[in-house]
Amino acid sequence: MGGFLYWTQKGKSDGNEGRIFRAPLDMPAAADPSSRDDIELLFDGLPEPIDLEWRAETGHLYWTDRGSPPDGNTLNRAVIRPHEPVSREIILAGLQEGIGLAIDGPRNRAFVGDLGGFVRVVHLDPPHAASVVFSGHGPLTGIAYLSERGRM
């Protein structure tokens, strides 16, 4: 759903205190930013959520989690739609502290970077086949994807 700002709070290492929140971009009339009552907690008790990506066309929120397995070191997604329950799906496990995330919507795939120095590409349709496309240059913390349509 558009019109929201989403963010993660990692919590302490291996503490399973990670959370994902959202708030409308338009603040309620006469609201004070320091005491907003329209902030929603979407997920609680996650290992260590880090990077987020939103796909408006599918209503999916994607995130990497660098915490301990089985729920950490993963790429996750959830469908966020009005009046529907929110549930989490692990798309890819076995990351080495996954941090970077970029979605290629037209090709329905995601690129995920990790502190092990790997960039993986994973298809977002089951069976979620993944492969390493870059490695060997040290820890990676962030990535961005520029489609060919974005060329000047």
Protein backbone atom coordinates (compact mmCIF):
# COMPACT_ATOMS: atom_id res chain seq x y z
CA MET A 1 0.00 0.00 0.00
CA GLY A 2 1.41 3.31 -1.05
CA GLY A 3 1.56 6.41 1.11
CA PHE A 4 3.51 4.78 3.93
CA LEU A 5 7.02 4.93 5.28
CA TYR A 6 8.38 1.52 6.35
CA TRP A 7 11.39 0.94 8.60
CA THR A 8 13.21 -1.74 10.55
CA GLN A 9 14.58 -1.76 14.06
CA LYS A 10 17.23 -4.46 14.34
CA GLY A 11 17.44 -4.88 18.10
CA LYS A 12 20.50 -6.38 19.78
CA SER A 13 22.56 -9.03 18.00
CA ASP A 14 20.98 -12.47 18.19
CA GLY A 15 18.27 -11.00 20.42
CA ASN A 16 15.18 -11.77 18.28
CA GLU A 17 14.05 -8.22 19.03
CA GLY A 18 13.79 -7.10 15.40
CA ARG A 19 10.69 -5.20 14.34
CA ILE A 20 9.19 -3.72 11.19
CA PHE A 21 6.96 -0.66 11.42
CA ARG A 22 5.07 1.64 9.10
CA ALA A 23 3.44 5.04 9.35
CA PRO A 24 1.39 7.07 6.87
CA LEU A 25 3.36 9.77 5.11
CA ASP A 26 0.52 12.20 5.78
CA MET A 27 0.39 12.92 9.49
CA PRO A 28 -3.03 13.29 11.13
CA ALA A 29 -4.16 16.87 11.61
CA ALA A 30 -2.73 18.50 14.74
CA ALA A 31 -0.52 15.47 15.41
CA ASP A 32 2.85 15.85 17.06
CA PRO A 33 5.63 13.85 15.30
CA SER A 34 7.06 12.76 18.66
CA SER A 35 3.78 11.22 19.84
CA ARG A 36 2.09 9.84 16.73
CA ASP A 37 -0.61 7.26 17.36
CA ASP A 38 -0.82 6.06 13.75
CA ILE A 39 2.41 3.98 13.72
CA GLU A 40 1.77 0.30 13.02
CA LEU A 41 3.92 -2.59 14.19
CA LEU A 42 3.83 -5.14 11.36
CA PHE A 43 6.35 -7.69 12.69
CA ASP A 44 7.91 -8.29 16.10
CA GLY A 45 10.38 -10.89 17.37
CA LEU A 46 12.38 -11.09 14.13
CA PRO A 47 16.07 -12.01 14.35
CA GLU A 48 17.65 -8.81 12.87
CA PRO A 49 15.74 -7.23 9.94
CA ILE A 50 17.88 -4.82 7.92
CA ASP A 51 17.08 -3.73 4.36
CA LEU A 52 13.58 -3.19 2.92
CA GLU A 53 12.10 -3.01 -0.58
CA TRP A 54 8.48 -2.38 -1.51
CA ARG A 55 6.74 -3.64 -4.69
CA ALA A 56 3.55 -1.65 -5.13
CA GLU A 57 2.40 -3.69 -8.13
CA THR A 58 2.23 -6.89 -6.05
CA GLY A 59 1.71 -5.48 -2.56
CA HIS A 60 4.84 -7.23 -1.25
CA LEU A 61 7.25 -5.94 1.34
CA TYR A 62 10.68 -7.62 1.09
CA TRP A 63 13.46 -7.55 3.68
CA THR A 64 16.79 -9.11 4.53
CA ASP A 65 17.47 -10.45 8.00
CA ARG A 66 21.05 -10.87 9.18
CA GLY A 67 20.25 -12.64 12.44
CA SER A 68 20.82 -16.28 13.33
CA PRO A 69 19.10 -19.17 11.53
CA PRO A 70 16.58 -20.61 11.15
CA ASP A 71 14.71 -17.31 10.64
CA GLY A 72 17.79 -15.14 10.15
CA ASN A 73 20.30 -14.97 7.30
CA THR A 74 17.28 -14.88 5.04
CA LEU A 75 15.37 -12.96 2.39
CA ASN A 76 11.74 -12.57 3.42
CA ARG A 77 8.51 -11.16 2.06
CA ALA A 78 5.00 -10.42 3.20
CA VAL A 79 1.85 -9.41 1.38
CA ILE A 80 0.56 -6.12 2.79
CA ARG A 81 -3.04 -5.49 1.73
CA PRO A 82 -5.95 -3.80 3.48
CA HIS A 83 -8.11 -6.09 5.60
CA GLU A 84 -5.87 -9.14 5.05
CA PRO A 85 -3.69 -10.85 7.65
CA VAL A 86 0.04 -10.20 7.29
CA SER A 87 2.22 -13.30 7.22
CA ARG A 88 5.90 -13.76 6.52
CA GLU A 89 7.47 -16.05 3.93
CA ILE A 90 11.17 -16.94 3.79
CA ILE A 91 12.26 -16.93 0.14
CA LEU A 92 15.99 -17.59 0.55
CA ALA A 93 18.02 -18.90 3.49
CA GLY A 94 21.73 -19.48 4.01
CA LEU A 95 22.93 -15.90 3.58
CA GLN A 96 26.05 -14.76 5.40
CA GLU A 97 24.45 -11.88 7.29
CA GLY A 98 22.24 -10.63 4.47
CA ILE A 99 22.03 -6.87 4.24
CA GLY A 100 21.75 -5.44 0.71
CA LEU A 101 18.53 -5.88 -1.26
CA ALA A 102 17.37 -4.72 -4.68
CA ILE A 103 14.28 -5.87 -6.59
CA ASP A 104 14.09 -6.24 -10.37
CA GLY A 105 10.31 -6.11 -10.74
CA PRO A 106 10.02 -6.63 -14.50
CA ARG A 107 12.05 -9.85 -14.29
CA ASN A 108 10.50 -10.85 -10.94
CA ARG A 109 13.79 -11.41 -9.16
CA ALA A 110 15.76 -10.01 -6.25
CA PHE A 111 19.45 -9.36 -5.72
CA VAL A 112 20.74 -9.89 -2.19
CA GLY A 113 24.17 -8.91 -0.82
CA ASP A 114 25.75 -10.12 2.40
CA LEU A 115 28.72 -9.60 4.68
CA GLY A 116 30.29 -12.77 3.27
CA GLY A 117 30.88 -10.80 0.07
CA PHE A 118 28.27 -12.53 -2.06
CA VAL A 119 25.56 -11.12 -4.32
CA ARG A 120 22.88 -13.66 -5.11
CA VAL A 121 20.00 -13.44 -7.53
CA VAL A 122 16.82 -15.26 -6.58
CA HIS A 123 13.63 -15.71 -8.56
CA LEU A 124 10.58 -14.50 -6.66
CA ASP A 125 8.30 -17.22 -8.04
CA PRO A 126 8.53 -20.68 -6.51
CA PRO A 127 10.73 -22.67 -6.35
CA HIS A 128 12.88 -19.55 -5.69
CA ALA A 129 15.98 -20.74 -7.55
CA ALA A 130 19.05 -18.73 -6.51
CA SER A 131 22.62 -18.38 -7.72
CA VAL A 132 25.72 -16.38 -6.84
CA VAL A 133 26.41 -13.64 -9.42
CA PHE A 134 29.27 -11.80 -7.68
CA SER A 135 31.78 -12.68 -4.94
CA GLY A 136 35.32 -12.31 -3.70
CA HIS A 137 35.53 -8.58 -3.02
CA GLY A 138 34.90 -8.44 0.74
CA PRO A 139 31.80 -7.70 2.82
CA LEU A 140 28.89 -6.03 1.03
CA THR A 141 26.38 -3.84 2.81
CA GLY A 142 24.17 -2.24 0.18
CA ILE A 143 23.23 -2.71 -3.44
CA ALA A 144 21.04 -0.93 -5.98
CA TYR A 145 19.58 -2.17 -9.24
CA LEU A 146 19.29 -0.05 -12.37
CA SER A 147 17.22 -1.60 -15.11
CA GLU A 148 18.04 -1.10 -18.76
CA ARG A 149 14.91 1.04 -18.94
CA GLY A 150 16.66 3.43 -16.58
CA ARG A 151 19.49 4.07 -19.05
CA MET A 152 19.93 7.57 -20.34
